[in-house]
Amino acid sequence: MPRASRKSTNTSDAQLNEGKLPDDQRPTIVDHGKKFAAYDKNGRLIILGYDRKIVEEYANDRVRQS
């Protein structure tokens, strides 16, 4: 008996690479279990949080300001 169709589990953002920052200045987002961390190009922690979208937006704003 066939299983019921299930929704895709792919949660990646299709527009992830459409940022306004150059590649060399874009912050690096790393997941640590349930948390996400954003690091600048020097390896310093910018923000640590549970929502990837919020972490990305805040990190991008901080990099633009400096």
PDB file of N, CA and C in Angstrom:
ATOM      1  N   MET A   1       0.841  -1.175   0.000  1.00  0.00           N
ATOM      2  CA  MET A   1       0.000   0.000   0.000  1.00  0.00           C
ATOM      3  C   MET A   1       0.893   1.247   0.000  1.00  0.00           C
ATOM      4  N   PRO A   2       0.686   2.184  -0.925  1.00  0.00           N
ATOM      5  CA  PRO A   2       1.564   3.357  -0.995  1.00  0.00           C
ATOM      6  C   PRO A   2       1.344   4.296   0.185  1.00  0.00           C
ATOM      7  N   ARG A   3       2.429   4.922   0.554  1.00  0.00           N
ATOM      8  CA  ARG A   3       2.348   5.901   1.641  1.00  0.00           C
ATOM      9  C   ARG A   3       1.738   7.194   1.121  1.00  0.00           C
ATOM     10  N   ALA A   4       1.190   7.956   2.022  1.00  0.00           N
ATOM     11  CA  ALA A   4       0.635   9.261   1.649  1.00  0.00           C
ATOM     12  C   ALA A   4       1.783  10.193   1.287  1.00  0.00           C
ATOM     13  N   SER A   5       1.542  11.065   0.347  1.00  0.00           N
ATOM     14  CA  SER A   5       2.609  11.994  -0.044  1.00  0.00           C
ATOM     15  C   SER A   5       2.923  12.918   1.120  1.00  0.00           C
ATOM     16  N   ARG A   6       4.190  13.233   1.255  1.00  0.00           N
ATOM     17  CA  ARG A   6       4.636  14.110   2.330  1.00  0.00           C
ATOM     18  C   ARG A   6       5.267  15.348   1.733  1.00  0.00           C
ATOM     19  N   LYS A   7       5.191  16.413   2.459  1.00  0.00           N
ATOM     20  CA  LYS A   7       5.807  17.650   1.976  1.00  0.00           C
ATOM     21  C   LYS A   7       7.319  17.528   2.060  1.00  0.00           C
ATOM     22  N   SER A   8       7.981  18.252   1.228  1.00  0.00           N
ATOM     23  CA  SER A   8       9.439  18.237   1.191  1.00  0.00           C
ATOM     24  C   SER A   8      10.002  18.780   2.497  1.00  0.00           C
ATOM     25  N   THR A   9      11.112  18.201   2.927  1.00  0.00           N
ATOM     26  CA  THR A   9      11.760  18.677   4.147  1.00  0.00           C
ATOM     27  C   THR A   9      12.882  19.649   3.832  1.00  0.00           C
ATOM     28  N   ASN A  10      13.040  20.043   2.585  1.00  0.00           N
ATOM     29  CA  ASN A  10      14.085  20.977   2.214  1.00  0.00           C
ATOM     30  C   ASN A  10      13.681  22.381   2.666  1.00  0.00           C
ATOM     31  N   THR A  11      14.434  22.931   3.614  1.00  0.00           N
ATOM     32  CA  THR A  11      14.111  24.257   4.151  1.00  0.00           C
ATOM     33  C   THR A  11      15.132  25.303   3.738  1.00  0.00           C
ATOM     34  N   SER A  12      15.984  24.992   2.770  1.00  0.00           N
ATOM     35  CA  SER A  12      16.990  25.967   2.364  1.00  0.00           C
ATOM     36  C   SER A  12      16.336  27.141   1.641  1.00  0.00           C
ATOM     37  N   ASP A  13      16.953  28.281   1.781  1.00  0.00           N
ATOM     38  CA  ASP A  13      16.437  29.503   1.182  1.00  0.00           C
ATOM     39  C   ASP A  13      16.962  29.612  -0.245  1.00  0.00           C
ATOM     40  N   ALA A  14      16.087  29.684  -1.217  1.00  0.00           N
ATOM     41  CA  ALA A  14      16.494  29.743  -2.619  1.00  0.00           C
ATOM     42  C   ALA A  14      17.181  31.064  -2.949  1.00  0.00           C
ATOM     43  N   GLN A  15      16.911  32.108  -2.183  1.00  0.00           N
ATOM     44  CA  GLN A  15      17.486  33.420  -2.451  1.00  0.00           C
ATOM     45  C   GLN A  15      18.634  33.736  -1.510  1.00  0.00           C
ATOM     46  N   LEU A  16      19.295  32.722  -1.001  1.00  0.00           N
ATOM     47  CA  LEU A  16      20.345  32.925  -0.017  1.00  0.00           C
ATOM     48  C   LEU A  16      21.505  33.741  -0.561  1.00  0.00           C
ATOM     49  N   ASN A  17      21.886  33.559  -1.811  1.00  0.00           N
ATOM     50  CA  ASN A  17      23.055  34.219  -2.368  1.00  0.00           C
ATOM     51  C   ASN A  17      22.736  35.522  -3.087  1.00  0.00           C
ATOM     52  N   GLU A  18      21.564  36.086  -2.881  1.00  0.00           N
ATOM     53  CA  GLU A  18      21.192  37.316  -3.553  1.00  0.00           C
ATOM     54  C   GLU A  18      21.365  38.530  -2.646  1.00  0.00           C
ATOM     55  N   GLY A  19      22.334  38.471  -1.739  1.00  0.00           N
ATOM     56  CA  GLY A  19      22.575  39.585  -0.834  1.00  0.00           C
ATOM     57  C   GLY A  19      23.221  40.752  -1.545  1.00  0.00           C
ATOM     58  N   LYS A  20      23.196  41.910  -0.900  1.00  0.00           N
ATOM     59  CA  LYS A  20      23.778  43.109  -1.491  1.00  0.00           C
ATOM     60  C   LYS A  20      25.242  43.277  -1.110  1.00  0.00           C
ATOM     61  N   LEU A  21      25.747  42.420  -0.228  1.00  0.00           N
ATOM     62  CA  LEU A  21      27.138  42.523   0.195  1.00  0.00           C
ATOM     63  C   LEU A  21      28.037  41.710  -0.728  1.00  0.00           C
ATOM     64  N   PRO A  22      29.252  42.177  -0.956  1.00  0.00           N
ATOM     65  CA  PRO A  22      30.201  41.378  -1.744  1.00  0.00           C
ATOM     66  C   PRO A  22      30.536  40.072  -1.013  1.00  0.00           C
ATOM     67  N   ASP A  23      31.003  39.081  -1.748  1.00  0.00           N
ATOM     68  CA  ASP A  23      31.296  37.779  -1.158  1.00  0.00           C
ATOM     69  C   ASP A  23      32.351  37.849  -0.063  1.00  0.00           C
ATOM     70  N   ASP A  24      33.341  38.701  -0.222  1.00  0.00           N
ATOM     71  CA  ASP A  24      34.409  38.755   0.776  1.00  0.00           C
ATOM     72  C   ASP A  24      33.977  39.430   2.078  1.00  0.00           C
ATOM     73  N   GLN A  25      32.887  40.194   2.062  1.00  0.00           N
ATOM     74  CA  GLN A  25      32.418  40.870   3.274  1.00  0.00           C
ATOM     75  C   GLN A  25      31.180  40.211   3.878  1.00  0.00           C
ATOM     76  N   ARG A  26      30.592  39.252   3.198  1.00  0.00           N
ATOM     77  CA  ARG A  26      29.381  38.603   3.686  1.00  0.00           C
ATOM     78  C   ARG A  26      29.688  37.794   4.944  1.00  0.00           C
ATOM     79  N   PRO A  27      28.884  37.935   6.007  1.00  0.00           N
ATOM     80  CA  PRO A  27      29.120  37.163   7.223  1.00  0.00           C
ATOM     81  C   PRO A  27      28.850  35.671   6.988  1.00  0.00           C
ATOM     82  N   THR A  28      29.540  34.827   7.741  1.00  0.00           N
ATOM     83  CA  THR A  28      29.382  33.388   7.649  1.00  0.00           C
ATOM     84  C   THR A  28      28.369  32.940   8.694  1.00  0.00           C
ATOM     85  N   ILE A  29      27.351  32.180   8.264  1.00  0.00           N
ATOM     86  CA  ILE A  29      26.330  31.670   9.166  1.00  0.00           C
ATOM     87  C   ILE A  29      26.600  30.195   9.399  1.00  0.00           C
ATOM     88  N   VAL A  30      26.702  29.794  10.676  1.00  0.00           N
ATOM     89  CA  VAL A  30      26.972  28.412  11.046  1.00  0.00           C
ATOM     90  C   VAL A  30      25.899  27.975  12.020  1.00  0.00           C
ATOM     91  N   ASP A  31      25.402  26.725  11.855  1.00  0.00           N
ATOM     92  CA  ASP A  31      24.412  26.234  12.805  1.00  0.00           C
ATOM     93  C   ASP A  31      25.099  25.393  13.875  1.00  0.00           C
ATOM     94  N   HIS A  32      24.704  25.650  15.117  1.00  0.00           N
ATOM     95  CA  HIS A  32      25.207  24.921  16.281  1.00  0.00           C
ATOM     96  C   HIS A  32      24.008  24.267  16.957  1.00  0.00           C
ATOM     97  N   GLY A  33      23.614  23.096  16.486  1.00  0.00           N
ATOM     98  CA  GLY A  33      22.425  22.456  17.031  1.00  0.00           C
ATOM     99  C   GLY A  33      21.190  23.241  16.646  1.00  0.00           C
ATOM    100  N   LYS A  34      20.489  23.782  17.626  1.00  0.00           N
ATOM    101  CA  LYS A  34      19.288  24.574  17.356  1.00  0.00           C
ATOM    102  C   LYS A  34      19.602  26.049  17.165  1.00  0.00           C
ATOM    103  N   LYS A  35      20.836  26.460  17.425  1.00  0.00           N
ATOM    104  CA  LYS A  35      21.209  27.859  17.339  1.00  0.00           C
ATOM    105  C   LYS A  35      21.984  28.135  16.057  1.00  0.00           C
ATOM    106  N   PHE A  36      21.962  29.392  15.642  1.00  0.00           N
ATOM    107  CA  PHE A  36      22.721  29.848  14.490  1.00  0.00           C
ATOM    108  C   PHE A  36      23.659  30.955  14.942  1.00  0.00           C
ATOM    109  N   ALA A  37      24.875  30.923  14.422  1.00  0.00           N
ATOM    110  CA  ALA A  37      25.868  31.935  14.766  1.00  0.00           C
ATOM    111  C   ALA A  37      26.352  32.606  13.495  1.00  0.00           C
ATOM    112  N   ALA A  38      26.581  33.897  13.581  1.00  0.00           N
ATOM    113  CA  ALA A  38      27.107  34.665  12.460  1.00  0.00           C
ATOM    114  C   ALA A  38      28.480  35.196  12.839  1.00  0.00           C
ATOM    115  N   TYR A  39      29.444  34.983  11.942  1.00  0.00           N
ATOM    116  CA  TYR A  39      30.811  35.427  12.159  1.00  0.00           C
ATOM    117  C   TYR A  39      31.208  36.383  11.043  1.00  0.00           C
ATOM    118  N   ASP A  40      32.019  37.387  11.371  1.00  0.00           N
ATOM    119  CA  ASP A  40      32.500  38.308  10.330  1.00  0.00           C
ATOM    120  C   ASP A  40      33.713  37.704   9.646  1.00  0.00           C
ATOM    121  N   LYS A  41      34.326  38.456   8.720  1.00  0.00           N
ATOM    122  CA  LYS A  41      35.441  37.914   7.932  1.00  0.00           C
ATOM    123  C   LYS A  41      36.686  37.677   8.776  1.00  0.00           C
ATOM    124  N   ASN A  42      36.780  38.296   9.952  1.00  0.00           N
ATOM    125  CA  ASN A  42      37.917  38.084  10.846  1.00  0.00           C
ATOM    126  C   ASN A  42      37.685  36.937  11.824  1.00  0.00           C
ATOM    127  N   GLY A  43      36.504  36.328  11.779  1.00  0.00           N
ATOM    128  CA  GLY A  43      36.200  35.202  12.651  1.00  0.00           C
ATOM    129  C   GLY A  43      35.596  35.578  13.984  1.00  0.00           C
ATOM    130  N   ARG A  44      35.218  36.849  14.139  1.00  0.00           N
ATOM    131  CA  ARG A  44      34.597  37.282  15.394  1.00  0.00           C
ATOM    132  C   ARG A  44      33.099  37.036  15.350  1.00  0.00           C
ATOM    133  N   LEU A  45      32.541  36.608  16.473  1.00  0.00           N
ATOM    134  CA  LEU A  45      31.112  36.337  16.587  1.00  0.00           C
ATOM    135  C   LEU A  45      30.335  37.641  16.528  1.00  0.00           C
ATOM    136  N   ILE A  46      29.325  37.702  15.655  1.00  0.00           N
ATOM    137  CA  ILE A  46      28.475  38.888  15.544  1.00  0.00           C
ATOM    138  C   ILE A  46      27.213  38.686  16.358  1.00  0.00           C
ATOM    139  N   ILE A  47      26.532  37.549  16.151  1.00  0.00           N
ATOM    140  CA  ILE A  47      25.271  37.287  16.838  1.00  0.00           C
ATOM    141  C   ILE A  47      25.060  35.788  16.930  1.00  0.00           C
ATOM    142  N   LEU A  48      24.351  35.380  17.991  1.00  0.00           N
ATOM    143  CA  LEU A  48      23.979  33.987  18.208  1.00  0.00           C
ATOM    144  C   LEU A  48      22.482  33.971  18.494  1.00  0.00           C
ATOM    145  N   GLY A  49      21.711  33.168  17.747  1.00  0.00           N
ATOM    146  CA  GLY A  49      20.267  33.156  17.939  1.00  0.00           C
ATOM    147  C   GLY A  49      19.629  31.893  17.412  1.00  0.00           C
ATOM    148  N   TYR A  50      18.309  31.775  17.599  1.00  0.00           N
ATOM    149  CA  TYR A  50      17.565  30.584  17.203  1.00  0.00           C
ATOM    150  C   TYR A  50      16.932  30.680  15.826  1.00  0.00           C
ATOM    151  N   ASP A  51      16.730  31.873  15.315  1.00  0.00           N
ATOM    152  CA  ASP A  51      16.074  32.055  14.022  1.00  0.00           C
ATOM    153  C   ASP A  51      17.109  32.483  12.986  1.00  0.00           C
ATOM    154  N   ARG A  52      17.322  31.649  11.964  1.00  0.00           N
ATOM    155  CA  ARG A  52      18.363  31.910  10.974  1.00  0.00           C
ATOM    156  C   ARG A  52      18.132  33.227  10.230  1.00  0.00           C
ATOM    157  N   LYS A  53      16.883  33.512   9.893  1.00  0.00           N
ATOM    158  CA  LYS A  53      16.581  34.723   9.134  1.00  0.00           C
ATOM    159  C   LYS A  53      16.939  35.975   9.935  1.00  0.00           C
ATOM    160  N   ILE A  54      16.596  35.990  11.202  1.00  0.00           N
ATOM    161  CA  ILE A  54      16.904  37.136  12.054  1.00  0.00           C
ATOM    162  C   ILE A  54      18.415  37.286  12.212  1.00  0.00           C
ATOM    163  N   VAL A  55      19.116  36.170  12.401  1.00  0.00           N
ATOM    164  CA  VAL A  55      20.573  36.201  12.546  1.00  0.00           C
ATOM    165  C   VAL A  55      21.219  36.755  11.284  1.00  0.00           C
ATOM    166  N   GLU A  56      20.766  36.302  10.109  1.00  0.00           N
ATOM    167  CA  GLU A  56      21.326  36.782   8.846  1.00  0.00           C
ATOM    168  C   GLU A  56      21.091  38.276   8.652  1.00  0.00           C
ATOM    169  N   GLU A  57      19.866  38.727   8.892  1.00  0.00           N
ATOM    170  CA  GLU A  57      19.548  40.140   8.687  1.00  0.00           C
ATOM    171  C   GLU A  57      20.358  41.031   9.629  1.00  0.00           C
ATOM    172  N   TYR A  58      20.454  40.641  10.892  1.00  0.00           N
ATOM    173  CA  TYR A  58      21.208  41.436  11.857  1.00  0.00           C
ATOM    174  C   TYR A  58      22.691  41.469  11.493  1.00  0.00           C
ATOM    175  N   ALA A  59      23.237  40.322  11.117  1.00  0.00           N
ATOM    176  CA  ALA A  59      24.656  40.257  10.756  1.00  0.00           C
ATOM    177  C   ALA A  59      24.943  41.099   9.518  1.00  0.00           C
ATOM    178  N   ASN A  60      24.068  41.044   8.532  1.00  0.00           N
ATOM    179  CA  ASN A  60      24.263  41.857   7.324  1.00  0.00           C
ATOM    180  C   ASN A  60      24.229  43.340   7.652  1.00  0.00           C
ATOM    181  N   ASP A  61      23.307  43.752   8.520  1.00  0.00           N
ATOM    182  CA  ASP A  61      23.236  45.164   8.916  1.00  0.00           C
ATOM    183  C   ASP A  61      24.499  45.605   9.654  1.00  0.00           C
ATOM    184  N   ARG A  62      25.006  44.745  10.543  1.00  0.00           N
ATOM    185  CA  ARG A  62      26.219  45.080  11.290  1.00  0.00           C
ATOM    186  C   ARG A  62      27.432  45.204  10.380  1.00  0.00           C
ATOM    187  N   VAL A  63      27.528  44.333   9.373  1.00  0.00           N
ATOM    188  CA  VAL A  63      28.667  44.393   8.458  1.00  0.00           C
ATOM    189  C   VAL A  63      28.570  45.648   7.589  1.00  0.00           C
ATOM    190  N   ARG A  64      27.358  46.008   7.172  1.00  0.00           N
ATOM    191  CA  ARG A  64      27.174  47.229   6.364  1.00  0.00           C
ATOM    192  C   ARG A  64      27.566  48.477   7.147  1.00  0.00           C
ATOM    193  N   GLN A  65      27.256  48.503   8.452  1.00  0.00           N
ATOM    194  CA  GLN A  65      27.538  49.682   9.273  1.00  0.00           C
ATOM    195  C   GLN A  65      29.042  49.891   9.464  1.00  0.00           C
ATOM    196  N   SER A  66      29.798  48.807   9.521  1.00  0.00           N
ATOM    197  CA  SER A  66      31.239  48.963   9.773  1.00  0.00           C
ATOM    198  C   SER A  66      32.041  49.123   8.505  1.00  0.00           C
TER     199      SER A  66
END
